[in-house]
Amino acid sequence: MGEQCGCGKARFDGVDRRYITILWVVIALNGLMFFVEMTAGFRGQSQALKADALDFLGDSLTYGISLWVIGKSVNIRTSAAMLKGISLFLMAGFVLVSTAYRLIVLNSPHAFTMSTIGFLALAANLFSVMLLMRYKDGDANIRSVWLCSRNDAVGNVAVMLAAAAVWYWQSPWPDLLVALLMAGLFFSSATQILRQALDERREAQASAAA
């Protein structure tokens, strides 16, 4: 069984039945919320909802990869973490491009849809964050799971604030601003995941050489 977070210098690697069960629960929840939020994003013309839905999709894929690599070698786990980091970069790029397009079109999003779905998504993500809290300091593969869940919770709060601002000012700009901020959060998380994965791979190679 993998060592738990905080016990000694070894990082938790996910080899734990309770953690694996939690991942399955969170995968199902995030997959469901992707479809709910993306549908609402198109119907409500909200770029922020679409960006948050993509984060749910990214989480589902991330957790699926994380399940597959549990118990495998450091090289495989770090490669999976780097793949997830790259996918976050791509998601951020997509959000930036689609938001730039919306800057030209500027259809006004539906504030009620944004706030309602944003609240539902926040509840789902807070539940996921609570389940994953004790594993947030694991290896690069496990930490990527935590970062994605945290991103979703932050994104949901931002969507709800954007909904209030859209309603108050009757303007699409708060929605677009939140989408840009979420793209920045994707970039930041991707950088953290890639940096930790590379560090862990170098440590493993140094240990093998010694």
N, C-alpha and C. Protein backbone atom coordinates (compact mmCIF):
# COMPACT_ATOMS: atom_id res chain seq x y z
N MET A 1 0.85 -1.20 0.00
CA MET A 1 0.00 0.00 0.00
C MET A 1 0.88 1.24 0.00
N GLY A 2 0.50 2.25 -0.77
CA GLY A 2 1.31 3.46 -0.85
C GLY A 2 1.31 4.21 0.46
N GLU A 3 2.36 4.98 0.68
CA GLU A 3 2.50 5.74 1.91
C GLU A 3 1.60 6.95 1.88
N GLN A 4 0.97 7.25 3.01
CA GLN A 4 0.03 8.35 3.08
C GLN A 4 0.75 9.68 3.07
N CYS A 5 0.04 10.74 2.68
CA CYS A 5 0.59 12.07 2.65
C CYS A 5 1.08 12.47 4.03
N GLY A 6 2.25 13.05 4.06
CA GLY A 6 2.77 13.60 5.30
C GLY A 6 3.53 12.59 6.14
N CYS A 7 3.56 11.32 5.76
CA CYS A 7 4.28 10.31 6.53
C CYS A 7 5.68 10.16 5.95
N GLY A 8 6.65 10.80 6.59
CA GLY A 8 8.00 10.71 6.07
C GLY A 8 8.16 11.55 4.83
N LYS A 9 9.20 11.23 4.03
CA LYS A 9 9.49 12.01 2.84
C LYS A 9 8.79 11.47 1.60
N ALA A 10 8.38 10.21 1.65
CA ALA A 10 7.73 9.62 0.48
C ALA A 10 6.37 10.27 0.25
N ARG A 11 6.06 10.54 -1.01
CA ARG A 11 4.77 11.13 -1.36
C ARG A 11 3.75 10.04 -1.63
N PHE A 12 2.52 10.30 -1.24
CA PHE A 12 1.44 9.34 -1.47
C PHE A 12 1.29 9.10 -2.97
N ASP A 13 1.27 7.81 -3.39
CA ASP A 13 1.23 7.48 -4.81
C ASP A 13 -0.12 6.94 -5.28
N GLY A 14 -1.12 6.96 -4.40
CA GLY A 14 -2.46 6.55 -4.81
C GLY A 14 -2.81 5.10 -4.58
N VAL A 15 -1.85 4.29 -4.11
CA VAL A 15 -2.12 2.87 -3.90
C VAL A 15 -2.87 2.70 -2.59
N ASP A 16 -4.16 2.90 -2.65
CA ASP A 16 -5.02 2.84 -1.47
C ASP A 16 -6.45 2.62 -1.95
N ARG A 17 -7.13 1.61 -1.42
CA ARG A 17 -8.48 1.28 -1.88
C ARG A 17 -9.46 2.42 -1.67
N ARG A 18 -9.33 3.10 -0.55
CA ARG A 18 -10.25 4.21 -0.27
C ARG A 18 -10.07 5.32 -1.30
N TYR A 19 -8.82 5.63 -1.63
CA TYR A 19 -8.55 6.69 -2.60
C TYR A 19 -9.09 6.31 -3.98
N ILE A 20 -8.91 5.05 -4.37
CA ILE A 20 -9.39 4.59 -5.68
C ILE A 20 -10.92 4.68 -5.75
N THR A 21 -11.60 4.32 -4.67
CA THR A 21 -13.07 4.44 -4.63
C THR A 21 -13.49 5.90 -4.77
N ILE A 22 -12.79 6.79 -4.07
CA ILE A 22 -13.08 8.22 -4.16
C ILE A 22 -12.92 8.71 -5.59
N LEU A 23 -11.85 8.27 -6.26
CA LEU A 23 -11.64 8.69 -7.65
C LEU A 23 -12.79 8.27 -8.55
N TRP A 24 -13.29 7.06 -8.37
CA TRP A 24 -14.41 6.61 -9.20
C TRP A 24 -15.65 7.49 -8.98
N VAL A 25 -15.91 7.83 -7.73
CA VAL A 25 -17.05 8.69 -7.41
C VAL A 25 -16.89 10.06 -8.07
N VAL A 26 -15.69 10.62 -7.96
CA VAL A 26 -15.43 11.95 -8.50
C VAL A 26 -15.45 11.95 -10.03
N ILE A 27 -14.97 10.88 -10.65
CA ILE A 27 -15.02 10.77 -12.11
C ILE A 27 -16.47 10.82 -12.60
N ALA A 28 -17.33 10.04 -11.97
CA ALA A 28 -18.75 10.01 -12.37
C ALA A 28 -19.39 11.38 -12.19
N LEU A 29 -19.10 12.03 -11.08
CA LEU A 29 -19.68 13.33 -10.79
C LEU A 29 -19.22 14.39 -11.79
N ASN A 30 -17.93 14.38 -12.11
CA ASN A 30 -17.40 15.37 -13.05
C ASN A 30 -17.88 15.13 -14.47
N GLY A 31 -18.01 13.86 -14.87
CA GLY A 31 -18.53 13.56 -16.19
C GLY A 31 -19.95 14.06 -16.36
N LEU A 32 -20.76 13.85 -15.34
CA LEU A 32 -22.15 14.31 -15.38
C LEU A 32 -22.21 15.84 -15.46
N MET A 33 -21.40 16.52 -14.65
CA MET A 33 -21.43 17.97 -14.62
C MET A 33 -20.90 18.59 -15.91
N PHE A 34 -20.01 17.90 -16.61
CA PHE A 34 -19.54 18.41 -17.90
C PHE A 34 -20.71 18.57 -18.87
N PHE A 35 -21.53 17.52 -18.99
CA PHE A 35 -22.66 17.57 -19.91
C PHE A 35 -23.69 18.61 -19.47
N VAL A 36 -23.95 18.67 -18.18
CA VAL A 36 -24.93 19.64 -17.67
C VAL A 36 -24.47 21.07 -17.93
N GLU A 37 -23.21 21.35 -17.60
CA GLU A 37 -22.72 22.72 -17.69
C GLU A 37 -22.45 23.16 -19.14
N MET A 38 -21.96 22.24 -19.98
CA MET A 38 -21.73 22.61 -21.38
C MET A 38 -23.06 22.90 -22.08
N THR A 39 -24.08 22.07 -21.80
CA THR A 39 -25.40 22.32 -22.38
C THR A 39 -25.94 23.68 -21.93
N ALA A 40 -25.79 23.96 -20.63
CA ALA A 40 -26.26 25.25 -20.11
C ALA A 40 -25.45 26.40 -20.69
N GLY A 41 -24.15 26.17 -20.93
CA GLY A 41 -23.30 27.22 -21.50
C GLY A 41 -23.74 27.63 -22.89
N PHE A 42 -24.11 26.64 -23.73
CA PHE A 42 -24.58 26.94 -25.08
C PHE A 42 -25.96 27.60 -25.04
N ARG A 43 -26.84 27.06 -24.21
CA ARG A 43 -28.19 27.62 -24.13
C ARG A 43 -28.19 29.02 -23.51
N GLY A 44 -27.33 29.22 -22.51
CA GLY A 44 -27.29 30.50 -21.84
C GLY A 44 -26.28 31.47 -22.44
N GLN A 45 -25.59 31.05 -23.53
CA GLN A 45 -24.62 31.90 -24.22
C GLN A 45 -23.54 32.41 -23.27
N SER A 46 -23.09 31.53 -22.36
CA SER A 46 -22.09 31.91 -21.37
C SER A 46 -20.74 31.27 -21.66
N GLN A 47 -19.74 32.10 -21.91
CA GLN A 47 -18.40 31.61 -22.15
C GLN A 47 -17.78 31.07 -20.86
N ALA A 48 -18.12 31.68 -19.74
CA ALA A 48 -17.59 31.22 -18.46
C ALA A 48 -18.10 29.82 -18.12
N LEU A 49 -19.39 29.55 -18.39
CA LEU A 49 -19.93 28.21 -18.15
C LEU A 49 -19.26 27.18 -19.05
N LYS A 50 -19.01 27.54 -20.30
CA LYS A 50 -18.34 26.61 -21.21
C LYS A 50 -16.92 26.32 -20.74
N ALA A 51 -16.22 27.36 -20.27
CA ALA A 51 -14.86 27.17 -19.77
C ALA A 51 -14.86 26.26 -18.55
N ASP A 52 -15.83 26.46 -17.67
CA ASP A 52 -15.92 25.63 -16.47
C ASP A 52 -16.31 24.20 -16.83
N ALA A 53 -17.15 24.03 -17.85
CA ALA A 53 -17.52 22.69 -18.30
C ALA A 53 -16.29 21.95 -18.83
N LEU A 54 -15.44 22.66 -19.55
CA LEU A 54 -14.21 22.05 -20.04
C LEU A 54 -13.32 21.61 -18.89
N ASP A 55 -13.34 22.38 -17.81
CA ASP A 55 -12.57 21.99 -16.64
C ASP A 55 -13.10 20.69 -16.05
N PHE A 56 -14.44 20.52 -16.05
CA PHE A 56 -15.03 19.26 -15.61
C PHE A 56 -14.58 18.10 -16.50
N LEU A 57 -14.58 18.33 -17.81
CA LEU A 57 -14.14 17.29 -18.74
C LEU A 57 -12.68 16.95 -18.49
N GLY A 58 -11.85 17.99 -18.32
CA GLY A 58 -10.44 17.76 -18.05
C GLY A 58 -10.25 16.97 -16.77
N ASP A 59 -11.07 17.25 -15.77
CA ASP A 59 -10.99 16.51 -14.51
C ASP A 59 -11.31 15.03 -14.73
N SER A 60 -12.37 14.75 -15.46
CA SER A 60 -12.76 13.36 -15.70
C SER A 60 -11.63 12.58 -16.38
N LEU A 61 -11.03 13.20 -17.39
CA LEU A 61 -9.91 12.55 -18.09
C LEU A 61 -8.70 12.41 -17.17
N THR A 62 -8.45 13.45 -16.38
CA THR A 62 -7.32 13.42 -15.45
C THR A 62 -7.47 12.31 -14.43
N TYR A 63 -8.67 12.18 -13.87
CA TYR A 63 -8.89 11.16 -12.86
C TYR A 63 -8.82 9.75 -13.47
N GLY A 64 -9.30 9.63 -14.71
CA GLY A 64 -9.22 8.33 -15.38
C GLY A 64 -7.77 7.91 -15.59
N ILE A 65 -6.94 8.85 -16.05
CA ILE A 65 -5.51 8.56 -16.23
C ILE A 65 -4.87 8.26 -14.88
N SER A 66 -5.25 9.02 -13.87
CA SER A 66 -4.69 8.81 -12.53
C SER A 66 -4.99 7.41 -12.02
N LEU A 67 -6.19 6.92 -12.27
CA LEU A 67 -6.54 5.55 -11.86
C LEU A 67 -5.67 4.53 -12.57
N TRP A 68 -5.46 4.76 -13.85
CA TRP A 68 -4.71 3.79 -14.66
C TRP A 68 -3.25 3.68 -14.21
N VAL A 69 -2.63 4.78 -13.80
CA VAL A 69 -1.21 4.76 -13.49
C VAL A 69 -0.90 4.45 -12.03
N ILE A 70 -1.93 4.34 -11.18
CA ILE A 70 -1.67 4.03 -9.78
C ILE A 70 -0.93 2.70 -9.65
N GLY A 71 0.15 2.71 -8.90
CA GLY A 71 0.94 1.50 -8.68
C GLY A 71 1.99 1.23 -9.74
N LYS A 72 2.02 2.06 -10.81
CA LYS A 72 3.01 1.87 -11.86
C LYS A 72 4.29 2.62 -11.54
N SER A 73 5.27 2.51 -12.42
CA SER A 73 6.58 3.09 -12.17
C SER A 73 6.53 4.61 -12.13
N VAL A 74 7.60 5.21 -11.56
CA VAL A 74 7.69 6.67 -11.49
C VAL A 74 7.65 7.29 -12.88
N ASN A 75 8.34 6.66 -13.85
CA ASN A 75 8.36 7.19 -15.21
C ASN A 75 6.96 7.25 -15.81
N ILE A 76 6.18 6.20 -15.60
CA ILE A 76 4.81 6.17 -16.14
C ILE A 76 3.95 7.21 -15.44
N ARG A 77 4.06 7.30 -14.10
CA ARG A 77 3.25 8.26 -13.35
C ARG A 77 3.59 9.70 -13.72
N THR A 78 4.89 9.98 -13.86
CA THR A 78 5.28 11.35 -14.21
C THR A 78 4.90 11.67 -15.65
N SER A 79 4.97 10.66 -16.54
CA SER A 79 4.55 10.89 -17.93
C SER A 79 3.06 11.23 -17.99
N ALA A 80 2.27 10.51 -17.18
CA ALA A 80 0.83 10.79 -17.12
C ALA A 80 0.58 12.19 -16.60
N ALA A 81 1.33 12.58 -15.57
CA ALA A 81 1.17 13.93 -15.01
C ALA A 81 1.52 14.99 -16.04
N MET A 82 2.59 14.76 -16.80
CA MET A 82 2.99 15.72 -17.83
C MET A 82 1.93 15.81 -18.93
N LEU A 83 1.34 14.67 -19.29
CA LEU A 83 0.26 14.67 -20.28
C LEU A 83 -0.91 15.50 -19.80
N LYS A 84 -1.24 15.38 -18.51
CA LYS A 84 -2.33 16.17 -17.96
C LYS A 84 -1.99 17.65 -17.92
N GLY A 85 -0.72 17.96 -17.64
CA GLY A 85 -0.30 19.36 -17.67
C GLY A 85 -0.42 19.95 -19.06
N ILE A 86 -0.02 19.19 -20.07
CA ILE A 86 -0.12 19.65 -21.45
C ILE A 86 -1.59 19.84 -21.85
N SER A 87 -2.46 18.93 -21.38
CA SER A 87 -3.89 19.05 -21.72
C SER A 87 -4.48 20.32 -21.11
N LEU A 88 -4.00 20.70 -19.92
CA LEU A 88 -4.47 21.94 -19.31
C LEU A 88 -4.02 23.16 -20.12
N PHE A 89 -2.81 23.10 -20.66
CA PHE A 89 -2.34 24.18 -21.53
C PHE A 89 -3.24 24.30 -22.76
N LEU A 90 -3.61 23.15 -23.34
CA LEU A 90 -4.47 23.16 -24.53
C LEU A 90 -5.86 23.69 -24.20
N MET A 91 -6.39 23.31 -23.03
CA MET A 91 -7.70 23.81 -22.62
C MET A 91 -7.65 25.32 -22.45
N ALA A 92 -6.56 25.81 -21.84
CA ALA A 92 -6.42 27.26 -21.65
C ALA A 92 -6.39 27.97 -22.99
N GLY A 93 -5.67 27.38 -23.95
CA GLY A 93 -5.60 27.98 -25.28
C GLY A 93 -6.95 28.03 -25.95
N PHE A 94 -7.72 26.94 -25.82
CA PHE A 94 -9.06 26.91 -26.41
C PHE A 94 -9.95 27.99 -25.81
N VAL A 95 -9.90 28.13 -24.48
CA VAL A 95 -10.71 29.15 -23.82
C VAL A 95 -10.32 30.55 -24.31
N LEU A 96 -9.02 30.79 -24.45
CA LEU A 96 -8.57 32.11 -24.91
C LEU A 96 -9.06 32.40 -26.33
N VAL A 97 -8.95 31.40 -27.22
CA VAL A 97 -9.38 31.59 -28.60
C VAL A 97 -10.89 31.80 -28.69
N SER A 98 -11.66 30.96 -27.99
CA SER A 98 -13.11 31.08 -28.05
C SER A 98 -13.59 32.38 -27.40
N THR A 99 -12.88 32.81 -26.36
CA THR A 99 -13.24 34.08 -25.72
C THR A 99 -12.94 35.25 -26.65
N ALA A 100 -11.83 35.17 -27.37
CA ALA A 100 -11.51 36.21 -28.35
C ALA A 100 -12.60 36.31 -29.41
N TYR A 101 -13.13 35.16 -29.82
CA TYR A 101 -14.23 35.16 -30.79
C TYR A 101 -15.46 35.85 -30.20
N ARG A 102 -15.75 35.55 -28.91
CA ARG A 102 -16.90 36.17 -28.27
C ARG A 102 -16.74 37.68 -28.12
N LEU A 103 -15.51 38.13 -28.02
CA LEU A 103 -15.27 39.57 -27.92
C LEU A 103 -15.78 40.29 -29.18
N ILE A 104 -15.79 39.55 -30.29
CA ILE A 104 -16.27 40.11 -31.54
C ILE A 104 -17.80 40.03 -31.61
N VAL A 105 -18.34 38.88 -31.20
CA VAL A 105 -19.78 38.65 -31.30
C VAL A 105 -20.53 39.35 -30.18
N LEU A 106 -20.05 39.16 -28.93
CA LEU A 106 -20.63 39.81 -27.75
C LEU A 106 -22.14 39.57 -27.58
N ASN A 107 -22.57 38.31 -27.64
CA ASN A 107 -23.94 37.99 -27.25
C ASN A 107 -24.03 38.04 -25.73
N SER A 108 -25.09 38.61 -25.21
CA SER A 108 -25.23 38.73 -23.76
C SER A 108 -25.63 37.40 -23.13
N PRO A 109 -24.86 36.90 -22.14
CA PRO A 109 -25.20 35.63 -21.50
C PRO A 109 -26.41 35.77 -20.59
N HIS A 110 -27.03 34.62 -20.23
CA HIS A 110 -28.20 34.61 -19.37
C HIS A 110 -27.74 34.49 -17.92
N ALA A 111 -27.94 35.54 -17.15
CA ALA A 111 -27.45 35.58 -15.77
C ALA A 111 -28.09 34.50 -14.91
N PHE A 112 -29.41 34.25 -15.10
CA PHE A 112 -30.09 33.25 -14.27
C PHE A 112 -29.52 31.86 -14.51
N THR A 113 -29.30 31.52 -15.78
CA THR A 113 -28.72 30.22 -16.11
C THR A 113 -27.32 30.09 -15.52
N MET A 114 -26.52 31.14 -15.64
CA MET A 114 -25.16 31.12 -15.11
C MET A 114 -25.15 30.88 -13.60
N SER A 115 -26.01 31.60 -12.88
CA SER A 115 -26.01 31.49 -11.42
C SER A 115 -26.55 30.15 -10.96
N THR A 116 -27.61 29.66 -11.61
CA THR A 116 -28.21 28.38 -11.21
C THR A 116 -27.26 27.22 -11.43
N ILE A 117 -26.70 27.12 -12.64
CA ILE A 117 -25.77 26.04 -12.94
C ILE A 117 -24.47 26.21 -12.17
N GLY A 118 -24.05 27.45 -11.98
CA GLY A 118 -22.83 27.71 -11.21
C GLY A 118 -22.96 27.21 -9.78
N PHE A 119 -24.13 27.39 -9.17
CA PHE A 119 -24.36 26.92 -7.80
C PHE A 119 -24.34 25.39 -7.76
N LEU A 120 -24.98 24.75 -8.73
CA LEU A 120 -25.00 23.29 -8.79
C LEU A 120 -23.58 22.74 -8.96
N ALA A 121 -22.81 23.37 -9.85
CA ALA A 121 -21.43 22.93 -10.09
C ALA A 121 -20.57 23.15 -8.84
N LEU A 122 -20.78 24.26 -8.14
CA LEU A 122 -20.02 24.52 -6.93
C LEU A 122 -20.28 23.45 -5.88
N ALA A 123 -21.53 23.05 -5.71
CA ALA A 123 -21.86 22.00 -4.74
C ALA A 123 -21.16 20.69 -5.09
N ALA A 124 -21.15 20.35 -6.38
CA ALA A 124 -20.49 19.12 -6.83
C ALA A 124 -18.99 19.18 -6.57
N ASN A 125 -18.39 20.34 -6.83
CA ASN A 125 -16.95 20.46 -6.66
C ASN A 125 -16.52 20.54 -5.21
N LEU A 126 -17.31 21.20 -4.37
CA LEU A 126 -16.98 21.23 -2.95
C LEU A 126 -17.01 19.83 -2.36
N PHE A 127 -17.96 19.02 -2.83
CA PHE A 127 -18.03 17.63 -2.39
C PHE A 127 -16.77 16.88 -2.81
N SER A 128 -16.33 17.09 -4.05
CA SER A 128 -15.11 16.44 -4.55
C SER A 128 -13.88 16.91 -3.78
N VAL A 129 -13.81 18.21 -3.53
CA VAL A 129 -12.66 18.76 -2.81
C VAL A 129 -12.58 18.18 -1.40
N MET A 130 -13.72 18.04 -0.74
CA MET A 130 -13.73 17.47 0.60
C MET A 130 -13.23 16.02 0.59
N LEU A 131 -13.63 15.27 -0.43
CA LEU A 131 -13.19 13.88 -0.53
C LEU A 131 -11.68 13.77 -0.78
N LEU A 132 -11.14 14.72 -1.55
CA LEU A 132 -9.74 14.64 -1.97
C LEU A 132 -8.78 15.43 -1.09
N MET A 133 -9.29 16.17 -0.12
CA MET A 133 -8.48 17.09 0.68
C MET A 133 -7.24 16.43 1.29
N ARG A 134 -7.38 15.26 1.88
CA ARG A 134 -6.27 14.64 2.59
C ARG A 134 -5.17 14.14 1.65
N TYR A 135 -5.46 14.12 0.33
CA TYR A 135 -4.48 13.62 -0.63
C TYR A 135 -3.83 14.73 -1.47
N LYS A 136 -4.02 15.99 -1.07
CA LYS A 136 -3.56 17.10 -1.91
C LYS A 136 -2.05 17.21 -2.01
N ASP A 137 -1.29 16.59 -1.11
CA ASP A 137 0.16 16.70 -1.13
C ASP A 137 0.84 15.42 -1.61
N GLY A 138 0.16 14.67 -2.48
CA GLY A 138 0.76 13.45 -3.02
C GLY A 138 1.76 13.72 -4.12
N ASP A 139 2.09 12.68 -4.89
CA ASP A 139 3.04 12.86 -5.99
C ASP A 139 2.39 13.68 -7.11
N ALA A 140 3.14 13.88 -8.21
CA ALA A 140 2.65 14.75 -9.28
C ALA A 140 1.31 14.26 -9.84
N ASN A 141 1.16 12.95 -9.95
CA ASN A 141 -0.08 12.39 -10.47
C ASN A 141 -1.25 12.69 -9.54
N ILE A 142 -1.05 12.47 -8.25
CA ILE A 142 -2.11 12.71 -7.25
C ILE A 142 -2.38 14.20 -7.09
N ARG A 143 -1.31 15.01 -7.10
CA ARG A 143 -1.48 16.45 -6.94
C ARG A 143 -2.25 17.05 -8.11
N SER A 144 -2.07 16.49 -9.31
CA SER A 144 -2.81 17.01 -10.46
C SER A 144 -4.31 16.83 -10.27
N VAL A 145 -4.71 15.75 -9.58
CA VAL A 145 -6.12 15.53 -9.29
C VAL A 145 -6.63 16.63 -8.36
N TRP A 146 -5.85 16.92 -7.33
CA TRP A 146 -6.25 17.96 -6.37
C TRP A 146 -6.35 19.32 -7.05
N LEU A 147 -5.36 19.66 -7.88
CA LEU A 147 -5.35 20.97 -8.53
C LEU A 147 -6.56 21.14 -9.45
N CYS A 148 -6.92 20.09 -10.16
CA CYS A 148 -8.08 20.19 -11.05
C CYS A 148 -9.37 20.39 -10.26
N SER A 149 -9.50 19.70 -9.13
CA SER A 149 -10.69 19.86 -8.30
C SER A 149 -10.74 21.27 -7.71
N ARG A 150 -9.59 21.76 -7.27
CA ARG A 150 -9.54 23.12 -6.74
C ARG A 150 -9.90 24.14 -7.81
N ASN A 151 -9.39 23.93 -9.03
CA ASN A 151 -9.71 24.83 -10.14
C ASN A 151 -11.21 24.92 -10.36
N ASP A 152 -11.87 23.78 -10.30
CA ASP A 152 -13.32 23.77 -10.53
C ASP A 152 -14.06 24.57 -9.48
N ALA A 153 -13.68 24.38 -8.20
CA ALA A 153 -14.36 25.10 -7.12
C ALA A 153 -14.16 26.61 -7.28
N VAL A 154 -12.92 27.02 -7.57
CA VAL A 154 -12.64 28.44 -7.78
C VAL A 154 -13.42 28.96 -8.98
N GLY A 155 -13.45 28.17 -10.05
CA GLY A 155 -14.16 28.57 -11.26
C GLY A 155 -15.65 28.74 -11.03
N ASN A 156 -16.24 27.86 -10.21
CA ASN A 156 -17.67 27.96 -9.93
C ASN A 156 -18.01 29.24 -9.19
N VAL A 157 -17.19 29.59 -8.21
CA VAL A 157 -17.41 30.83 -7.48
C VAL A 157 -17.31 32.02 -8.44
N ALA A 158 -16.32 31.97 -9.33
CA ALA A 158 -16.12 33.05 -10.29
C ALA A 158 -17.31 33.17 -11.24
N VAL A 159 -17.85 32.03 -11.67
CA VAL A 159 -19.02 32.04 -12.57
C VAL A 159 -20.21 32.69 -11.88
N MET A 160 -20.41 32.38 -10.61
CA MET A 160 -21.55 32.96 -9.89
C MET A 160 -21.37 34.47 -9.71
N LEU A 161 -20.14 34.90 -9.43
CA LEU A 161 -19.89 36.33 -9.32
C LEU A 161 -20.09 37.01 -10.67
N ALA A 162 -19.67 36.34 -11.74
CA ALA A 162 -19.86 36.90 -13.08
C ALA A 162 -21.36 37.01 -13.41
N ALA A 163 -22.14 36.01 -12.98
CA ALA A 163 -23.59 36.04 -13.23
C ALA A 163 -24.22 37.26 -12.57
N ALA A 164 -23.80 37.53 -11.32
CA ALA A 164 -24.34 38.69 -10.62
C ALA A 164 -23.96 39.99 -11.33
N ALA A 165 -22.70 40.03 -11.82
CA ALA A 165 -22.23 41.24 -12.52
C ALA A 165 -22.92 41.41 -13.86
N VAL A 166 -23.16 40.30 -14.58
CA VAL A 166 -23.87 40.35 -15.86
C VAL A 166 -25.29 40.89 -15.65
N TRP A 167 -25.94 40.38 -14.60
CA TRP A 167 -27.31 40.84 -14.30
C TRP A 167 -27.32 42.32 -13.91
N TYR A 168 -26.37 42.73 -13.08
CA TYR A 168 -26.36 44.10 -12.57
C TYR A 168 -26.06 45.12 -13.67
N TRP A 169 -25.03 44.82 -14.48
CA TRP A 169 -24.62 45.78 -15.51
C TRP A 169 -25.22 45.50 -16.88
N GLN A 170 -25.93 44.34 -17.01
CA GLN A 170 -26.50 43.97 -18.30
C GLN A 170 -25.44 44.00 -19.39
N SER A 171 -24.32 43.36 -19.08
CA SER A 171 -23.18 43.38 -19.98
C SER A 171 -22.54 42.00 -20.03
N PRO A 172 -22.01 41.58 -21.20
CA PRO A 172 -21.34 40.29 -21.30
C PRO A 172 -19.90 40.32 -20.80
N TRP A 173 -19.36 41.49 -20.51
CA TRP A 173 -17.94 41.59 -20.18
C TRP A 173 -17.53 40.82 -18.91
N PRO A 174 -18.33 40.82 -17.83
CA PRO A 174 -17.93 40.02 -16.67
C PRO A 174 -17.78 38.54 -17.00
N ASP A 175 -18.67 38.02 -17.86
CA ASP A 175 -18.59 36.62 -18.28
C ASP A 175 -17.29 36.35 -19.02
N LEU A 176 -16.92 37.24 -19.91
CA LEU A 176 -15.70 37.07 -20.68
C LEU A 176 -14.46 37.20 -19.79
N LEU A 177 -14.52 38.11 -18.83
CA LEU A 177 -13.39 38.30 -17.92
C LEU A 177 -13.14 37.04 -17.09
N VAL A 178 -14.22 36.42 -16.60
CA VAL A 178 -14.08 35.19 -15.82
C VAL A 178 -13.49 34.07 -16.68
N ALA A 179 -13.91 33.98 -17.93
CA ALA A 179 -13.36 32.96 -18.83
C ALA A 179 -11.85 33.17 -18.98
N LEU A 180 -11.41 34.41 -19.11
CA LEU A 180 -9.98 34.71 -19.23
C LEU A 180 -9.23 34.36 -17.94
N LEU A 181 -9.84 34.67 -16.80
CA LEU A 181 -9.21 34.34 -15.52
C LEU A 181 -9.07 32.83 -15.35
N MET A 182 -10.07 32.09 -15.80
CA MET A 182 -10.01 30.63 -15.71
C MET A 182 -8.93 30.07 -16.62
N ALA A 183 -8.75 30.69 -17.79
CA ALA A 183 -7.67 30.26 -18.68
C ALA A 183 -6.33 30.46 -17.98
N GLY A 184 -6.18 31.58 -17.26
CA GLY A 184 -4.96 31.82 -16.51
C GLY A 184 -4.75 30.78 -15.41
N LEU A 185 -5.85 30.36 -14.77
CA LEU A 185 -5.76 29.33 -13.74
C LEU A 185 -5.32 28.00 -14.34
N PHE A 186 -5.82 27.68 -15.55
CA PHE A 186 -5.39 26.47 -16.24
C PHE A 186 -3.89 26.50 -16.50
N PHE A 187 -3.40 27.64 -16.99
CA PHE A 187 -1.98 27.79 -17.27
C PHE A 187 -1.15 27.60 -16.00
N SER A 188 -1.59 28.20 -14.91
CA SER A 188 -0.86 28.10 -13.65
C SER A 188 -0.79 26.66 -13.15
N SER A 189 -1.93 25.96 -13.18
CA SER A 189 -1.96 24.56 -12.72
C SER A 189 -1.10 23.68 -13.60
N ALA A 190 -1.16 23.90 -14.91
CA ALA A 190 -0.36 23.11 -15.84
C ALA A 190 1.12 23.27 -15.54
N THR A 191 1.53 24.50 -15.26
CA THR A 191 2.94 24.77 -14.95
C THR A 191 3.36 24.05 -13.68
N GLN A 192 2.51 24.08 -12.64
CA GLN A 192 2.83 23.40 -11.38
C GLN A 192 2.95 21.90 -11.57
N ILE A 193 2.01 21.32 -12.33
CA ILE A 193 2.02 19.87 -12.55
C ILE A 193 3.28 19.45 -13.31
N LEU A 194 3.60 20.18 -14.39
CA LEU A 194 4.77 19.83 -15.19
C LEU A 194 6.06 19.97 -14.39
N ARG A 195 6.16 21.04 -13.60
CA ARG A 195 7.37 21.26 -12.81
C ARG A 195 7.58 20.13 -11.79
N GLN A 196 6.49 19.75 -11.09
CA GLN A 196 6.63 18.68 -10.09
C GLN A 196 6.93 17.35 -10.75
N ALA A 197 6.30 17.06 -11.88
CA ALA A 197 6.54 15.80 -12.58
C ALA A 197 8.00 15.69 -13.03
N LEU A 198 8.54 16.78 -13.57
CA LEU A 198 9.94 16.78 -14.01
C LEU A 198 10.88 16.61 -12.83
N ASP A 199 10.57 17.27 -11.71
CA ASP A 199 11.41 17.14 -10.51
C ASP A 199 11.41 15.70 -10.00
N GLU A 200 10.23 15.07 -9.97
CA GLU A 200 10.13 13.69 -9.49
C GLU A 200 10.87 12.73 -10.42
N ARG A 201 10.81 13.00 -11.71
CA ARG A 201 11.53 12.12 -12.64
C ARG A 201 13.04 12.26 -12.46
N ARG A 202 13.51 13.49 -12.26
CA ARG A 202 14.95 13.70 -12.04
C ARG A 202 15.41 13.04 -10.73
N GLU A 203 14.56 13.12 -9.69
CA GLU A 203 14.90 12.48 -8.42
C GLU A 203 14.98 10.96 -8.59
N ALA A 204 14.05 10.38 -9.33
CA ALA A 204 14.04 8.94 -9.54
C ALA A 204 15.27 8.51 -10.34
N GLN A 205 15.64 9.29 -11.34
CA GLN A 205 16.83 8.97 -12.15
C GLN A 205 18.10 9.09 -11.32
N ALA A 206 18.15 10.09 -10.45
CA ALA A 206 19.34 10.26 -9.60
C ALA A 206 19.46 9.10 -8.61
N SER A 207 18.31 8.66 -8.07
CA SER A 207 18.33 7.52 -7.13
C SER A 207 18.77 6.24 -7.83
N ALA A 208 18.28 6.06 -9.07
CA ALA A 208 18.65 4.86 -9.83
C ALA A 208 20.14 4.87 -10.16
N ALA A 209 20.67 6.04 -10.48
CA ALA A 209 22.10 6.16 -10.83
C ALA A 209 22.97 5.89 -9.61
N ALA A 210 22.46 6.30 -8.43
CA ALA A 210 23.24 6.09 -7.19
C ALA A 210 23.18 4.63 -6.78
